[in-house]
Amino acid sequence: MEFGTARVAGRRLAVYNRHVLKTWTFIIKIFLIYLALSVGCFLMLRIILEYTSFKDNVQFLAYKQAYVHDPIWRAAFYMHVFSAIVALLAGFTQFSGDFLKNHKKLHRLFGKIYIWDILAVNVPAGMVLAICANGMLPGRIAFVLLDSLWFWFTYRALRSALNKDFTNHKNYMIRSYALTFSAVTLRTWRLILSTAFTIDPVYLYMIDAWMGFVPNLLVSEYIIRARKIQNVTY
């Protein structure tokens, strides 16, 4: 009897330890994700504040002198720059289960702001910039593809929500936000590549254009599949 009681107690302890480990792993993972998002949004805000001077040689504009005096390109640039941070911050709120549970109206409001900011403002402005992007044809193809996928995933997220298909809604929002966050990863990869290697600026833009969003999409697909496996398992 004592041996059997000890075995039961041992199993219970093992189950408890697995539960604690799983809980802390989840907490650490969420903390790191939110830390990365917070730092990314903060750094983007710092960059955007520099553009409020509307000078023609600030940051990225110094490399776009061929287009900076074109009113269509210039309008698209400032629309994209000043509205992208809105999408980053609004999308930042959409993946918290507690926020959705306790603040459903705010969740919907921020979701609407995120979706229409992308569909009505960022995608049209981004396409103008994509057609004129650095990195020659490979760079332009990358940004046109990024903009097209951004529109499609965000649109599908909207349609899924309207159809009350909330599983697909969340999956498409993950994909959409992965592309929204390319505003941060694009600049991060550019810094890493330019620091680690001596690369001609043209080729740097070619590589950076693809590195800015393709790894994000791969991570988003991993997250979606991991969630699906977890839901089936439990």
Protein backbone atom coordinates (compact mmCIF):
# COMPACT_ATOMS: atom_id res chain seq x y z
CA MET A 1 0.00 0.00 0.00
CA GLU A 2 2.78 2.39 0.93
CA PHE A 3 4.62 1.56 -2.32
CA GLY A 4 1.45 2.20 -4.36
CA THR A 5 0.79 5.48 -2.54
CA ALA A 6 4.36 6.59 -3.22
CA ARG A 7 3.99 5.79 -6.93
CA VAL A 8 0.75 7.80 -7.15
CA ALA A 9 2.38 10.69 -5.30
CA GLY A 10 5.37 10.48 -7.65
CA ARG A 11 3.13 10.62 -10.71
CA ARG A 12 1.22 13.57 -9.33
CA LEU A 13 4.48 15.37 -8.62
CA ALA A 14 5.72 14.66 -12.16
CA VAL A 15 2.45 15.98 -13.65
CA TYR A 16 2.66 19.07 -11.43
CA ASN A 17 6.29 19.69 -12.44
CA ARG A 18 5.40 19.37 -16.16
CA HIS A 19 2.52 21.79 -15.64
CA VAL A 20 4.78 24.31 -13.86
CA LEU A 21 7.46 23.98 -16.54
CA LYS A 22 4.88 24.44 -19.32
CA THR A 23 3.38 27.47 -17.57
CA TRP A 24 6.73 29.17 -17.05
CA THR A 25 7.83 28.37 -20.61
CA PHE A 26 4.64 30.00 -21.89
CA ILE A 27 5.11 33.05 -19.63
CA ILE A 28 8.73 33.53 -20.73
CA LYS A 29 7.79 33.10 -24.39
CA ILE A 30 5.01 35.70 -24.16
CA PHE A 31 7.29 38.06 -22.23
CA LEU A 32 10.03 37.82 -24.88
CA ILE A 33 7.54 38.34 -27.71
CA TYR A 34 6.02 41.39 -26.05
CA LEU A 35 9.48 42.71 -25.18
CA ALA A 36 10.52 42.44 -28.84
CA LEU A 37 7.31 44.11 -29.99
CA SER A 38 7.65 46.89 -27.42
CA VAL A 39 11.27 47.61 -28.32
CA GLY A 40 10.43 47.48 -32.04
CA CYS A 41 7.53 49.91 -31.69
CA PHE A 42 9.66 52.25 -29.56
CA LEU A 43 12.51 52.30 -32.07
CA MET A 44 10.09 52.86 -34.95
CA LEU A 45 8.55 55.78 -33.08
CA ARG A 46 11.99 57.34 -32.62
CA ILE A 47 12.70 57.05 -36.35
CA ILE A 48 9.31 58.45 -37.31
CA LEU A 49 9.75 61.47 -35.04
CA GLU A 50 12.80 62.47 -37.11
CA TYR A 51 10.58 62.73 -40.21
CA THR A 52 8.34 65.31 -38.53
CA SER A 53 10.88 67.95 -39.61
CA PHE A 54 9.82 67.24 -43.25
CA LYS A 55 13.40 67.85 -44.40
CA ASP A 56 14.45 66.28 -47.71
CA ASN A 57 17.68 64.66 -46.43
CA VAL A 58 16.51 62.93 -43.25
CA GLN A 59 17.34 59.21 -42.84
CA PHE A 60 16.00 57.19 -45.80
CA LEU A 61 15.14 60.32 -47.82
CA ALA A 62 18.84 61.02 -48.31
CA TYR A 63 18.93 57.98 -50.64
CA LYS A 64 15.75 58.90 -52.53
CA GLN A 65 16.69 62.27 -53.99
CA ALA A 66 15.45 61.16 -57.41
CA TYR A 67 11.91 60.89 -56.01
CA VAL A 68 11.80 63.21 -53.01
CA HIS A 69 10.43 66.16 -55.02
CA ASP A 70 7.75 64.06 -56.75
CA PRO A 71 4.49 65.09 -54.98
CA ILE A 72 2.86 61.65 -55.42
CA TRP A 73 5.88 59.76 -54.09
CA ARG A 74 6.37 62.26 -51.27
CA ALA A 75 2.71 62.06 -50.20
CA ALA A 76 2.85 58.23 -50.30
CA PHE A 77 6.04 58.24 -48.23
CA TYR A 78 4.67 60.41 -45.42
CA MET A 79 1.32 58.58 -45.44
CA HIS A 80 3.15 55.28 -45.07
CA VAL A 81 5.60 56.49 -42.43
CA PHE A 82 3.09 58.19 -40.15
CA SER A 83 0.37 55.54 -40.46
CA ALA A 84 2.64 52.47 -40.13
CA ILE A 85 3.22 53.17 -36.43
CA VAL A 86 -0.58 53.22 -35.95
CA ALA A 87 -0.81 49.73 -37.46
CA LEU A 88 2.08 48.51 -35.32
CA LEU A 89 0.54 49.81 -32.09
CA ALA A 90 -3.05 48.82 -32.92
CA GLY A 91 -2.00 45.32 -33.99
CA PHE A 92 0.10 45.01 -30.83
CA THR A 93 -3.15 44.76 -28.79
CA GLN A 94 -4.80 42.05 -30.86
CA PHE A 95 -3.05 38.92 -29.58
CA SER A 96 -3.72 39.15 -25.86
CA GLY A 97 -6.37 36.68 -24.72
CA ASP A 98 -6.92 38.65 -21.51
CA PHE A 99 -7.39 41.89 -23.43
CA LEU A 100 -9.93 40.22 -25.75
CA LYS A 101 -11.78 38.66 -22.81
CA ASN A 102 -11.95 41.81 -20.67
CA HIS A 103 -12.09 44.54 -23.32
CA LYS A 104 -14.01 43.17 -26.30
CA LYS A 105 -15.15 46.59 -27.54
CA LEU A 106 -11.61 47.97 -27.47
CA HIS A 107 -10.36 44.82 -29.20
CA ARG A 108 -12.83 45.40 -32.03
CA LEU A 109 -12.04 49.12 -32.20
CA PHE A 110 -8.27 48.60 -32.40
CA GLY A 111 -8.84 45.76 -34.87
CA LYS A 112 -10.85 48.05 -37.15
CA ILE A 113 -8.21 50.78 -36.88
CA TYR A 114 -5.51 48.23 -37.75
CA ILE A 115 -7.34 46.74 -40.72
CA TRP A 116 -8.48 50.00 -42.32
CA ASP A 117 -5.14 51.67 -41.67
CA ILE A 118 -3.55 48.93 -43.77
CA LEU A 119 -6.19 48.44 -46.47
CA ALA A 120 -7.08 52.09 -47.07
CA VAL A 121 -3.81 53.89 -46.33
CA ASN A 122 -0.69 51.74 -46.03
CA VAL A 123 -1.16 49.32 -48.92
CA PRO A 124 -1.87 52.01 -51.58
CA ALA A 125 0.96 54.21 -50.29
CA GLY A 126 3.26 51.21 -49.92
CA MET A 127 2.67 50.13 -53.51
CA VAL A 128 3.83 53.52 -54.80
CA LEU A 129 7.00 53.17 -52.72
CA ALA A 130 7.45 49.51 -53.77
CA ILE A 131 7.44 50.38 -57.47
CA CYS A 132 10.18 52.95 -56.82
CA ALA A 133 12.12 50.86 -54.29
CA ASN A 134 15.91 50.58 -54.11
CA GLY A 135 17.60 47.31 -54.99
CA MET A 136 16.67 47.33 -58.69
CA LEU A 137 14.19 44.73 -59.94
CA PRO A 138 14.72 42.09 -57.17
CA GLY A 139 14.13 44.73 -54.51
CA ARG A 140 11.02 46.06 -56.22
CA ILE A 141 9.59 42.57 -56.70
CA ALA A 142 10.14 41.88 -52.98
CA PHE A 143 8.28 45.00 -51.87
CA VAL A 144 5.44 44.54 -54.37
CA LEU A 145 5.04 40.95 -53.12
CA LEU A 146 5.18 42.13 -49.49
CA ASP A 147 2.51 44.77 -50.14
CA SER A 148 0.26 42.32 -52.02
CA LEU A 149 0.48 39.67 -49.29
CA TRP A 150 -0.08 42.33 -46.64
CA PHE A 151 -3.30 43.35 -48.35
CA TRP A 152 -4.46 39.75 -48.86
CA PHE A 153 -3.81 38.51 -45.32
CA THR A 154 -5.41 41.60 -43.77
CA TYR A 155 -8.42 41.36 -46.06
CA ARG A 156 -8.86 37.66 -45.26
CA ALA A 157 -8.61 38.47 -41.53
CA LEU A 158 -11.44 40.99 -41.99
CA ARG A 159 -13.61 38.56 -43.98
CA SER A 160 -13.05 35.77 -41.45
CA ALA A 161 -14.10 38.05 -38.58
CA LEU A 162 -17.24 39.14 -40.43
CA ASN A 163 -18.07 35.46 -41.06
CA LYS A 164 -17.38 34.68 -37.36
CA ASP A 165 -14.64 32.25 -38.37
CA PHE A 166 -12.41 33.32 -35.50
CA THR A 167 -9.82 30.58 -35.92
CA ASN A 168 -8.95 31.71 -39.43
CA HIS A 169 -9.33 35.32 -38.33
CA LYS A 170 -6.57 34.88 -35.76
CA ASN A 171 -4.37 32.94 -38.19
CA TYR A 172 -4.63 35.62 -40.86
CA MET A 173 -4.05 38.34 -38.27
CA ILE A 174 -0.84 36.58 -37.24
CA ARG A 175 0.30 36.54 -40.87
CA SER A 176 -0.75 40.13 -41.40
CA TYR A 177 1.03 41.39 -38.30
CA ALA A 178 4.16 39.45 -39.26
CA LEU A 179 4.26 41.61 -42.39
CA THR A 180 3.39 44.76 -40.44
CA PHE A 181 6.35 44.02 -38.18
CA SER A 182 8.61 43.88 -41.25
CA ALA A 183 8.88 47.67 -40.77
CA VAL A 184 11.03 46.78 -37.75
CA THR A 185 12.83 43.67 -39.03
CA LEU A 186 13.71 45.39 -42.32
CA ARG A 187 15.74 47.99 -40.44
CA THR A 188 17.15 45.40 -38.04
CA TRP A 189 18.48 43.20 -40.84
CA ARG A 190 19.90 46.24 -42.65
CA LEU A 191 21.84 47.16 -39.51
CA ILE A 192 23.07 43.58 -39.00
CA LEU A 193 24.11 43.08 -42.63
CA SER A 194 25.82 46.46 -43.00
CA THR A 195 27.71 45.94 -39.72
CA ALA A 196 28.76 42.33 -40.33
CA PHE A 197 29.62 42.57 -44.03
CA THR A 198 30.94 45.06 -46.57
CA ILE A 199 28.17 45.03 -49.17
CA ASP A 200 27.45 47.34 -52.07
CA PRO A 201 24.36 49.40 -51.09
CA VAL A 202 22.43 48.14 -54.13
CA TYR A 203 22.94 44.49 -53.17
CA LEU A 204 22.31 45.32 -49.51
CA TYR A 205 18.86 46.63 -50.44
CA MET A 206 18.18 43.54 -52.58
CA ILE A 207 18.97 41.16 -49.70
CA ASP A 208 17.33 43.31 -47.06
CA ALA A 209 14.10 43.62 -49.06
CA TRP A 210 13.59 39.84 -48.84
CA MET A 211 15.06 39.33 -45.36
CA GLY A 212 12.73 41.97 -43.98
CA PHE A 213 9.59 39.85 -44.41
CA VAL A 214 10.30 36.25 -45.49
CA PRO A 215 11.65 35.12 -42.06
CA ASN A 216 8.65 36.85 -40.44
CA LEU A 217 6.27 34.79 -42.57
CA LEU A 218 8.12 31.56 -41.71
CA VAL A 219 7.86 32.37 -38.00
CA SER A 220 4.15 33.19 -38.35
CA GLU A 221 3.48 29.85 -40.08
CA TYR A 222 5.38 28.04 -37.31
CA ILE A 223 3.25 29.80 -34.67
CA ILE A 224 0.02 28.94 -36.51
CA ARG A 225 0.98 25.26 -36.87
CA ALA A 226 2.16 25.06 -33.25
CA ARG A 227 -1.19 26.45 -32.09
CA LYS A 228 -3.03 23.94 -34.26
CA ILE A 229 -1.02 21.01 -32.84
CA GLN A 230 -1.58 22.28 -29.29
CA ASN A 231 -5.33 22.57 -29.85
CA VAL A 232 -5.50 19.01 -31.24
CA THR A 233 -3.36 17.64 -28.40
CA TYR A 234 -5.26 19.29 -25.60
